[in-house]
Amino acid sequence: MKTETNQSKAVAQGDGRMICMKLRFFTNRIAETDGHILPKHMWDAGVVALQRNDAHGLAWSRHKHFHSLAEIPKVIEDIILEERITVHHGKRTRPYSA
């Protein structure tokens, strides 16, 4: 359910006003005992997914894997580009855009 439009629309306060991504880190196979975890321990790998948002016309994206913390920004950027989301620059990043 994707819509391509430049027209604004009213939404109620809440989730409709944000585009959210879910970032998850793997925690399996760290503890020595199968089926156990070590609390507050994680791998530097996991998945990112764009969450469904009907107000923005977005469905859950397929999960994209990252294999180091340094890859997270690239994975987020890839999802933004694939979903054709327009990014507006804030005061801090505006000087970097043409």
PDB file of N, CA and C in Angstrom:
ATOM      1  N   MET A   1       0.834  -1.177   0.000  1.00  0.00           N
ATOM      2  CA  MET A   1       0.000   0.000   0.000  1.00  0.00           C
ATOM      3  C   MET A   1       0.879   1.241   0.000  1.00  0.00           C
ATOM      4  N   LYS A   2       1.443   1.597  -1.105  1.00  0.00           N
ATOM      5  CA  LYS A   2       2.301   2.765  -1.222  1.00  0.00           C
ATOM      6  C   LYS A   2       1.600   3.820  -2.052  1.00  0.00           C
ATOM      7  N   THR A   3       1.657   5.058  -1.580  1.00  0.00           N
ATOM      8  CA  THR A   3       1.084   6.152  -2.348  1.00  0.00           C
ATOM      9  C   THR A   3       2.176   7.167  -2.620  1.00  0.00           C
ATOM     10  N   GLU A   4       2.202   7.680  -3.814  1.00  0.00           N
ATOM     11  CA  GLU A   4       3.160   8.699  -4.224  1.00  0.00           C
ATOM     12  C   GLU A   4       2.377   9.992  -4.379  1.00  0.00           C
ATOM     13  N   THR A   5       2.544  10.930  -3.462  1.00  0.00           N
ATOM     14  CA  THR A   5       1.800  12.172  -3.552  1.00  0.00           C
ATOM     15  C   THR A   5       2.566  13.291  -2.861  1.00  0.00           C
ATOM     16  N   ASN A   6       2.322  14.504  -3.292  1.00  0.00           N
ATOM     17  CA  ASN A   6       2.907  15.672  -2.646  1.00  0.00           C
ATOM     18  C   ASN A   6       1.846  16.461  -1.905  1.00  0.00           C
ATOM     19  N   GLN A   7       0.637  15.924  -1.793  1.00  0.00           N
ATOM     20  CA  GLN A   7      -0.438  16.610  -1.105  1.00  0.00           C
ATOM     21  C   GLN A   7      -0.426  16.234   0.365  1.00  0.00           C
ATOM     22  N   SER A   8      -0.592  17.259   1.222  1.00  0.00           N
ATOM     23  CA  SER A   8      -0.621  16.989   2.655  1.00  0.00           C
ATOM     24  C   SER A   8      -1.980  16.437   3.050  1.00  0.00           C
ATOM     25  N   LYS A   9      -2.020  15.790   4.215  1.00  0.00           N
ATOM     26  CA  LYS A   9      -3.284  15.289   4.734  1.00  0.00           C
ATOM     27  C   LYS A   9      -3.259  15.357   6.250  1.00  0.00           C
ATOM     28  N   ALA A  10      -4.413  15.532   6.846  1.00  0.00           N
ATOM     29  CA  ALA A  10      -4.521  15.633   8.297  1.00  0.00           C
ATOM     30  C   ALA A  10      -4.400  14.253   8.923  1.00  0.00           C
ATOM     31  N   VAL A  11      -3.684  14.191  10.038  1.00  0.00           N
ATOM     32  CA  VAL A  11      -3.583  12.950  10.809  1.00  0.00           C
ATOM     33  C   VAL A  11      -3.710  13.294  12.286  1.00  0.00           C
ATOM     34  N   ALA A  12      -4.233  12.352  13.049  1.00  0.00           N
ATOM     35  CA  ALA A  12      -4.355  12.537  14.491  1.00  0.00           C
ATOM     36  C   ALA A  12      -2.976  12.440  15.139  1.00  0.00           C
ATOM     37  N   GLN A  13      -2.846  13.015  16.314  1.00  0.00           N
ATOM     38  CA  GLN A  13      -1.604  12.919  17.062  1.00  0.00           C
ATOM     39  C   GLN A  13      -1.274  11.450  17.295  1.00  0.00           C
ATOM     40  N   GLY A  14      -0.014  11.096  17.158  1.00  0.00           N
ATOM     41  CA  GLY A  14       0.385   9.712  17.401  1.00  0.00           C
ATOM     42  C   GLY A  14       1.308   9.188  16.327  1.00  0.00           C
ATOM     43  N   ASP A  15       1.237   7.880  16.086  1.00  0.00           N
ATOM     44  CA  ASP A  15       2.165   7.206  15.182  1.00  0.00           C
ATOM     45  C   ASP A  15       2.098   7.697  13.745  1.00  0.00           C
ATOM     46  N   GLY A  16       0.966   8.229  13.321  1.00  0.00           N
ATOM     47  CA  GLY A  16       0.829   8.703  11.959  1.00  0.00           C
ATOM     48  C   GLY A  16       1.796   9.823  11.619  1.00  0.00           C
ATOM     49  N   ARG A  17       2.297  10.495  12.632  1.00  0.00           N
ATOM     50  CA  ARG A  17       3.185  11.631  12.406  1.00  0.00           C
ATOM     51  C   ARG A  17       4.654  11.238  12.349  1.00  0.00           C
ATOM     52  N   MET A  18       4.955   9.972  12.458  1.00  0.00           N
ATOM     53  CA  MET A  18       6.348   9.521  12.409  1.00  0.00           C
ATOM     54  C   MET A  18       6.493   8.337  11.472  1.00  0.00           C
ATOM     55  N   ILE A  19       7.646   8.279  10.823  1.00  0.00           N
ATOM     56  CA  ILE A  19       8.026   7.098  10.069  1.00  0.00           C
ATOM     57  C   ILE A  19       9.038   6.376  10.950  1.00  0.00           C
ATOM     58  N   CYS A  20       8.757   5.116  11.250  1.00  0.00           N
ATOM     59  CA  CYS A  20       9.587   4.374  12.206  1.00  0.00           C
ATOM     60  C   CYS A  20      10.248   3.168  11.545  1.00  0.00           C
ATOM     61  N   MET A  21      11.448   2.888  12.014  1.00  0.00           N
ATOM     62  CA  MET A  21      12.157   1.675  11.614  1.00  0.00           C
ATOM     63  C   MET A  21      12.454   0.876  12.869  1.00  0.00           C
ATOM     64  N   LYS A  22      12.452  -0.415  12.706  1.00  0.00           N
ATOM     65  CA  LYS A  22      12.764  -1.296  13.826  1.00  0.00           C
ATOM     66  C   LYS A  22      14.176  -1.830  13.617  1.00  0.00           C
ATOM     67  N   LEU A  23      15.008  -1.644  14.613  1.00  0.00           N
ATOM     68  CA  LEU A  23      16.405  -2.089  14.594  1.00  0.00           C
ATOM     69  C   LEU A  23      16.528  -3.204  15.624  1.00  0.00           C
ATOM     70  N   ARG A  24      16.965  -4.381  15.177  1.00  0.00           N
ATOM     71  CA  ARG A  24      17.070  -5.535  16.073  1.00  0.00           C
ATOM     72  C   ARG A  24      18.464  -6.140  15.965  1.00  0.00           C
ATOM     73  N   PHE A  25      19.043  -6.461  17.119  1.00  0.00           N
ATOM     74  CA  PHE A  25      20.371  -7.069  17.181  1.00  0.00           C
ATOM     75  C   PHE A  25      20.243  -8.535  17.577  1.00  0.00           C
ATOM     76  N   PHE A  26      21.054  -9.376  16.958  1.00  0.00           N
ATOM     77  CA  PHE A  26      21.058 -10.792  17.297  1.00  0.00           C
ATOM     78  C   PHE A  26      21.717 -11.009  18.654  1.00  0.00           C
ATOM     79  N   THR A  27      21.157 -11.949  19.429  1.00  0.00           N
ATOM     80  CA  THR A  27      21.727 -12.289  20.744  1.00  0.00           C
ATOM     81  C   THR A  27      21.946 -13.793  20.885  1.00  0.00           C
ATOM     82  N   ASN A  28      21.711 -14.533  19.812  1.00  0.00           N
ATOM     83  CA  ASN A  28      21.847 -15.988  19.865  1.00  0.00           C
ATOM     84  C   ASN A  28      23.319 -16.406  19.857  1.00  0.00           C
ATOM     85  N   ARG A  29      23.581 -17.578  20.351  1.00  0.00           N
ATOM     86  CA  ARG A  29      24.899 -18.232  20.324  1.00  0.00           C
ATOM     87  C   ARG A  29      26.005 -17.433  21.010  1.00  0.00           C
ATOM     88  N   ILE A  30      25.638 -16.652  22.029  1.00  0.00           N
ATOM     89  CA  ILE A  30      26.659 -15.975  22.821  1.00  0.00           C
ATOM     90  C   ILE A  30      26.885 -16.760  24.111  1.00  0.00           C
ATOM     91  N   ALA A  31      25.800 -17.202  24.749  1.00  0.00           N
ATOM     92  CA  ALA A  31      25.901 -18.007  25.965  1.00  0.00           C
ATOM     93  C   ALA A  31      26.401 -19.401  25.596  1.00  0.00           C
ATOM     94  N   GLU A  32      27.087 -20.026  26.523  1.00  0.00           N
ATOM     95  CA  GLU A  32      27.637 -21.359  26.264  1.00  0.00           C
ATOM     96  C   GLU A  32      26.563 -22.443  26.219  1.00  0.00           C
ATOM     97  N   THR A  33      25.418 -22.217  26.879  1.00  0.00           N
ATOM     98  CA  THR A  33      24.346 -23.205  26.916  1.00  0.00           C
ATOM     99  C   THR A  33      23.304 -22.871  25.862  1.00  0.00           C
ATOM    100  N   ASP A  34      22.950 -23.873  25.054  1.00  0.00           N
ATOM    101  CA  ASP A  34      21.957 -23.681  23.990  1.00  0.00           C
ATOM    102  C   ASP A  34      20.621 -23.250  24.589  1.00  0.00           C
ATOM    103  N   GLY A  35      19.975 -22.280  23.967  1.00  0.00           N
ATOM    104  CA  GLY A  35      18.692 -21.789  24.454  1.00  0.00           C
ATOM    105  C   GLY A  35      18.815 -20.726  25.527  1.00  0.00           C
ATOM    106  N   HIS A  36      20.037 -20.377  25.905  1.00  0.00           N
ATOM    107  CA  HIS A  36      20.251 -19.349  26.919  1.00  0.00           C
ATOM    108  C   HIS A  36      20.790 -18.077  26.255  1.00  0.00           C
ATOM    109  N   ILE A  37      20.643 -16.977  26.967  1.00  0.00           N
ATOM    110  CA  ILE A  37      21.229 -15.713  26.527  1.00  0.00           C
ATOM    111  C   ILE A  37      22.120 -15.182  27.642  1.00  0.00           C
ATOM    112  N   LEU A  38      22.996 -14.285  27.306  1.00  0.00           N
ATOM    113  CA  LEU A  38      23.738 -13.509  28.297  1.00  0.00           C
ATOM    114  C   LEU A  38      23.091 -12.133  28.325  1.00  0.00           C
ATOM    115  N   PRO A  39      22.419 -11.769  29.430  1.00  0.00           N
ATOM    116  CA  PRO A  39      21.758 -10.472  29.484  1.00  0.00           C
ATOM    117  C   PRO A  39      22.714  -9.323  29.165  1.00  0.00           C
ATOM    118  N   LYS A  40      22.227  -8.376  28.394  1.00  0.00           N
ATOM    119  CA  LYS A  40      22.959  -7.183  27.972  1.00  0.00           C
ATOM    120  C   LYS A  40      24.154  -7.494  27.072  1.00  0.00           C
ATOM    121  N   HIS A  41      24.102  -8.629  26.370  1.00  0.00           N
ATOM    122  CA  HIS A  41      25.120  -8.984  25.385  1.00  0.00           C
ATOM    123  C   HIS A  41      24.433  -9.133  24.033  1.00  0.00           C
ATOM    124  N   MET A  42      25.087  -8.667  22.972  1.00  0.00           N
ATOM    125  CA  MET A  42      24.530  -8.790  21.623  1.00  0.00           C
ATOM    126  C   MET A  42      25.665  -8.837  20.624  1.00  0.00           C
ATOM    127  N   TRP A  43      25.333  -9.324  19.442  1.00  0.00           N
ATOM    128  CA  TRP A  43      26.270  -9.288  18.330  1.00  0.00           C
ATOM    129  C   TRP A  43      26.219  -7.901  17.701  1.00  0.00           C
ATOM    130  N   ASP A  44      27.200  -7.594  16.892  1.00  0.00           N
ATOM    131  CA  ASP A  44      27.191  -6.330  16.151  1.00  0.00           C
ATOM    132  C   ASP A  44      26.491  -6.509  14.807  1.00  0.00           C
ATOM    133  N   ALA A  45      25.560  -7.454  14.740  1.00  0.00           N
ATOM    134  CA  ALA A  45      24.809  -7.756  13.525  1.00  0.00           C
ATOM    135  C   ALA A  45      23.336  -7.883  13.869  1.00  0.00           C
ATOM    136  N   GLY A  46      22.494  -7.686  12.866  1.00  0.00           N
ATOM    137  CA  GLY A  46      21.059  -7.804  13.083  1.00  0.00           C
ATOM    138  C   GLY A  46      20.293  -7.415  11.844  1.00  0.00           C
ATOM    139  N   VAL A  47      19.082  -6.887  12.047  1.00  0.00           N
ATOM    140  CA  VAL A  47      18.209  -6.514  10.943  1.00  0.00           C
ATOM    141  C   VAL A  47      17.532  -5.177  11.216  1.00  0.00           C
ATOM    142  N   VAL A  48      17.180  -4.499  10.119  1.00  0.00           N
ATOM    143  CA  VAL A  48      16.414  -3.250  10.175  1.00  0.00           C
ATOM    144  C   VAL A  48      15.202  -3.432   9.267  1.00  0.00           C
ATOM    145  N   ALA A  49      14.053  -2.923   9.705  1.00  0.00           N
ATOM    146  CA  ALA A  49      12.849  -2.964   8.863  1.00  0.00           C
ATOM    147  C   ALA A  49      12.056  -1.682   9.067  1.00  0.00           C
ATOM    148  N   LEU A  50      11.465  -1.192   8.001  1.00  0.00           N
ATOM    149  CA  LEU A  50      10.569  -0.047   8.052  1.00  0.00           C
ATOM    150  C   LEU A  50       9.227  -0.540   8.555  1.00  0.00           C
ATOM    151  N   GLN A  51       8.669   0.135   9.571  1.00  0.00           N
ATOM    152  CA  GLN A  51       7.393  -0.290  10.128  1.00  0.00           C
ATOM    153  C   GLN A  51       6.222   0.225   9.301  1.00  0.00           C
ATOM    154  N   ARG A  52       5.136  -0.518   9.345  1.00  0.00           N
ATOM    155  CA  ARG A  52       3.913  -0.148   8.639  1.00  0.00           C
ATOM    156  C   ARG A  52       3.386   1.171   9.198  1.00  0.00           C
ATOM    157  N   ASN A  53       2.919   2.045   8.306  1.00  0.00           N
ATOM    158  CA  ASN A  53       2.306   3.306   8.707  1.00  0.00           C
ATOM    159  C   ASN A  53       1.281   3.673   7.640  1.00  0.00           C
ATOM    160  N   ASP A  54       0.022   3.429   7.942  1.00  0.00           N
ATOM    161  CA  ASP A  54      -1.050   3.662   6.966  1.00  0.00           C
ATOM    162  C   ASP A  54      -1.149   5.130   6.567  1.00  0.00           C
ATOM    163  N   ALA A  55      -0.908   6.045   7.499  1.00  0.00           N
ATOM    164  CA  ALA A  55      -1.005   7.475   7.198  1.00  0.00           C
ATOM    165  C   ALA A  55      -0.005   7.882   6.118  1.00  0.00           C
ATOM    166  N   HIS A  56       1.165   7.233   6.116  1.00  0.00           N
ATOM    167  CA  HIS A  56       2.200   7.532   5.119  1.00  0.00           C
ATOM    168  C   HIS A  56       2.152   6.582   3.927  1.00  0.00           C
ATOM    169  N   GLY A  57       1.227   5.636   3.958  1.00  0.00           N
ATOM    170  CA  GLY A  57       1.125   4.681   2.861  1.00  0.00           C
ATOM    171  C   GLY A  57       2.273   3.697   2.826  1.00  0.00           C
ATOM    172  N   LEU A  58       2.770   3.314   3.996  1.00  0.00           N
ATOM    173  CA  LEU A  58       3.924   2.410   4.079  1.00  0.00           C
ATOM    174  C   LEU A  58       3.524   1.075   4.684  1.00  0.00           C
ATOM    175  N   ALA A  59       4.000   0.009   4.080  1.00  0.00           N
ATOM    176  CA  ALA A  59       3.837  -1.334   4.632  1.00  0.00           C
ATOM    177  C   ALA A  59       5.162  -1.738   5.276  1.00  0.00           C
ATOM    178  N   TRP A  60       5.145  -2.797   6.078  1.00  0.00           N
ATOM    179  CA  TRP A  60       6.402  -3.316   6.622  1.00  0.00           C
ATOM    180  C   TRP A  60       7.327  -3.637   5.455  1.00  0.00           C
ATOM    181  N   SER A  61       8.561  -3.169   5.528  1.00  0.00           N
ATOM    182  CA  SER A  61       9.530  -3.529   4.491  1.00  0.00           C
ATOM    183  C   SER A  61      10.137  -4.876   4.852  1.00  0.00           C
ATOM    184  N   ARG A  62      10.735  -5.518   3.871  1.00  0.00           N
ATOM    185  CA  ARG A  62      11.439  -6.753   4.208  1.00  0.00           C
ATOM    186  C   ARG A  62      12.663  -6.384   5.043  1.00  0.00           C
ATOM    187  N   HIS A  63      13.060  -7.264   5.928  1.00  0.00           N
ATOM    188  CA  HIS A  63      14.199  -7.004   6.799  1.00  0.00           C
ATOM    189  C   HIS A  63      15.484  -6.930   5.986  1.00  0.00           C
ATOM    190  N   LYS A  64      16.315  -5.969   6.321  1.00  0.00           N
ATOM    191  CA  LYS A  64      17.634  -5.858   5.693  1.00  0.00           C
ATOM    192  C   LYS A  64      18.677  -6.133   6.771  1.00  0.00           C
ATOM    193  N   HIS A  65      19.591  -7.014   6.449  1.00  0.00           N
ATOM    194  CA  HIS A  65      20.621  -7.408   7.412  1.00  0.00           C
ATOM    195  C   HIS A  65      21.802  -6.442   7.408  1.00  0.00           C
ATOM    196  N   PHE A  66      22.397  -6.272   8.584  1.00  0.00           N
ATOM    197  CA  PHE A  66      23.681  -5.579   8.702  1.00  0.00           C
ATOM    198  C   PHE A  66      24.614  -6.504   9.469  1.00  0.00           C
ATOM    199  N   HIS A  67      25.906  -6.393   9.183  1.00  0.00           N
ATOM    200  CA  HIS A  67      26.883  -7.308   9.766  1.00  0.00           C
ATOM    201  C   HIS A  67      27.949  -6.589  10.591  1.00  0.00           C
ATOM    202  N   SER A  68      27.772  -5.282  10.780  1.00  0.00           N
ATOM    203  CA  SER A  68      28.604  -4.500  11.693  1.00  0.00           C
ATOM    204  C   SER A  68      27.841  -3.232  12.027  1.00  0.00           C
ATOM    205  N   LEU A  69      28.190  -2.594  13.128  1.00  0.00           N
ATOM    206  CA  LEU A  69      27.508  -1.353  13.515  1.00  0.00           C
ATOM    207  C   LEU A  69      27.696  -0.271  12.453  1.00  0.00           C
ATOM    208  N   ALA A  70      28.816  -0.298  11.774  1.00  0.00           N
ATOM    209  CA  ALA A  70      29.101   0.709  10.750  1.00  0.00           C
ATOM    210  C   ALA A  70      28.174   0.584   9.542  1.00  0.00           C
ATOM    211  N   GLU A  71      27.566  -0.566   9.330  1.00  0.00           N
ATOM    212  CA  GLU A  71      26.672  -0.770   8.191  1.00  0.00           C
ATOM    213  C   GLU A  71      25.266  -0.238   8.433  1.00  0.00           C
ATOM    214  N   ILE A  72      24.888   0.077   9.665  1.00  0.00           N
ATOM    215  CA  ILE A  72      23.516   0.480   9.979  1.00  0.00           C
ATOM    216  C   ILE A  72      23.073   1.714   9.179  1.00  0.00           C
ATOM    217  N   PRO A  73      23.865   2.797   9.114  1.00  0.00           N
ATOM    218  CA  PRO A  73      23.406   3.951   8.331  1.00  0.00           C
ATOM    219  C   PRO A  73      23.143   3.608   6.860  1.00  0.00           C
ATOM    220  N   LYS A  74      23.965   2.778   6.270  1.00  0.00           N
ATOM    221  CA  LYS A  74      23.786   2.392   4.859  1.00  0.00           C
ATOM    222  C   LYS A  74      22.511   1.576   4.676  1.00  0.00           C
ATOM    223  N   VAL A  75      22.227   0.667   5.596  1.00  0.00           N
ATOM    224  CA  VAL A  75      21.012  -0.143   5.510  1.00  0.00           C
ATOM    225  C   VAL A  75      19.783   0.754   5.641  1.00  0.00           C
ATOM    226  N   ILE A  76      19.816   1.709   6.570  1.00  0.00           N
ATOM    227  CA  ILE A  76      18.702   2.654   6.719  1.00  0.00           C
ATOM    228  C   ILE A  76      18.529   3.465   5.444  1.00  0.00           C
ATOM    229  N   GLU A  77      19.633   3.954   4.883  1.00  0.00           N
ATOM    230  CA  GLU A  77      19.570   4.718   3.640  1.00  0.00           C
ATOM    231  C   GLU A  77      18.983   3.868   2.509  1.00  0.00           C
ATOM    232  N   ASP A  78      19.388   2.623   2.404  1.00  0.00           N
ATOM    233  CA  ASP A  78      18.862   1.731   1.360  1.00  0.00           C
ATOM    234  C   ASP A  78      17.347   1.581   1.472  1.00  0.00           C
ATOM    235  N   ILE A  79      16.846   1.428   2.696  1.00  0.00           N
ATOM    236  CA  ILE A  79      15.397   1.286   2.896  1.00  0.00           C
ATOM    237  C   ILE A  79      14.686   2.576   2.487  1.00  0.00           C
ATOM    238  N   ILE A  80      15.234   3.725   2.882  1.00  0.00           N
ATOM    239  CA  ILE A  80      14.638   5.013   2.526  1.00  0.00           C
ATOM    240  C   ILE A  80      14.562   5.161   1.005  1.00  0.00           C
ATOM    241  N   LEU A  81      15.635   4.801   0.324  1.00  0.00           N
ATOM    242  CA  LEU A  81      15.657   4.909  -1.139  1.00  0.00           C
ATOM    243  C   LEU A  81      14.689   3.919  -1.785  1.00  0.00           C
ATOM    244  N   GLU A  82      14.665   2.682  -1.319  1.00  0.00           N
ATOM    245  CA  GLU A  82      13.770   1.672  -1.889  1.00  0.00           C
ATOM    246  C   GLU A  82      12.305   2.053  -1.726  1.00  0.00           C
ATOM    247  N   GLU A  83      11.968   2.669  -0.599  1.00  0.00           N
ATOM    248  CA  GLU A  83      10.580   3.041  -0.333  1.00  0.00           C
ATOM    249  C   GLU A  83      10.232   4.415  -0.898  1.00  0.00           C
ATOM    250  N   ARG A  84      11.211   5.066  -1.529  1.00  0.00           N
ATOM    251  CA  ARG A  84      11.017   6.371  -2.173  1.00  0.00           C
ATOM    252  C   ARG A  84      10.512   7.420  -1.188  1.00  0.00           C
ATOM    253  N   ILE A  85      11.117   7.437  -0.010  1.00  0.00           N
ATOM    254  CA  ILE A  85      10.787   8.423   1.018  1.00  0.00           C
ATOM    255  C   ILE A  85      11.643   9.656   0.767  1.00  0.00           C
ATOM    256  N   THR A  86      11.021  10.823   0.766  1.00  0.00           N
ATOM    257  CA  THR A  86      11.736  12.078   0.576  1.00  0.00           C
ATOM    258  C   THR A  86      12.271  12.549   1.927  1.00  0.00           C
ATOM    259  N   VAL A  87      13.559  12.822   1.990  1.00  0.00           N
ATOM    260  CA  VAL A  87      14.194  13.276   3.228  1.00  0.00           C
ATOM    261  C   VAL A  87      14.401  14.782   3.133  1.00  0.00           C
ATOM    262  N   HIS A  88      13.915  15.501   4.135  1.00  0.00           N
ATOM    263  CA  HIS A  88      14.108  16.950   4.213  1.00  0.00           C
ATOM    264  C   HIS A  88      15.228  17.226   5.203  1.00  0.00           C
ATOM    265  N   HIS A  89      16.120  18.130   4.849  1.00  0.00           N
ATOM    266  CA  HIS A  89      17.267  18.418   5.698  1.00  0.00           C
ATOM    267  C   HIS A  89      16.912  19.412   6.788  1.00  0.00           C
ATOM    268  N   GLY A  90      17.351  19.136   8.015  1.00  0.00           N
ATOM    269  CA  GLY A  90      17.166  20.033   9.146  1.00  0.00           C
ATOM    270  C   GLY A  90      18.250  21.102   9.163  1.00  0.00           C
ATOM    271  N   LYS A  91      18.219  21.947  10.174  1.00  0.00           N
ATOM    272  CA  LYS A  91      19.161  23.062  10.272  1.00  0.00           C
ATOM    273  C   LYS A  91      20.619  22.609  10.261  1.00  0.00           C
ATOM    274  N   ARG A  92      20.913  21.508  10.926  1.00  0.00           N
ATOM    275  CA  ARG A  92      22.307  21.046  11.019  1.00  0.00           C
ATOM    276  C   ARG A  92      22.841  20.478   9.718  1.00  0.00           C
ATOM    277  N   THR A  93      21.999  19.858   8.921  1.00  0.00           N
ATOM    278  CA  THR A  93      22.476  19.220   7.683  1.00  0.00           C
ATOM    279  C   THR A  93      22.194  20.041   6.437  1.00  0.00           C
ATOM    280  N   ARG A  94      21.402  21.074   6.548  1.00  0.00           N
ATOM    281  CA  ARG A  94      21.058  21.905   5.387  1.00  0.00           C
ATOM    282  C   ARG A  94      22.287  22.443   4.671  1.00  0.00           C
ATOM    283  N   PRO A  95      23.352  22.874   5.373  1.00  0.00           N
ATOM    284  CA  PRO A  95      24.530  23.386   4.665  1.00  0.00           C
ATOM    285  C   PRO A  95      25.193  22.374   3.739  1.00  0.00           C
ATOM    286  N   TYR A  96      24.950  21.052   3.957  1.00  0.00           N
ATOM    287  CA  TYR A  96      25.575  20.025   3.132  1.00  0.00           C
ATOM    288  C   TYR A  96      24.817  19.750   1.848  1.00  0.00           C
ATOM    289  N   SER A  97      23.567  20.215   1.754  1.00  0.00           N
ATOM    290  CA  SER A  97      22.774  19.934   0.562  1.00  0.00           C
ATOM    291  C   SER A  97      22.879  21.073  -0.436  1.00  0.00           C
ATOM    292  N   ALA A  98      22.683  20.731  -1.688  1.00  0.00           N
ATOM    293  CA  ALA A  98      22.812  21.727  -2.756  1.00  0.00           C
ATOM    294  C   ALA A  98      21.612  22.635  -2.788  1.00  0.00           C
TER     295      ALA A  98
END
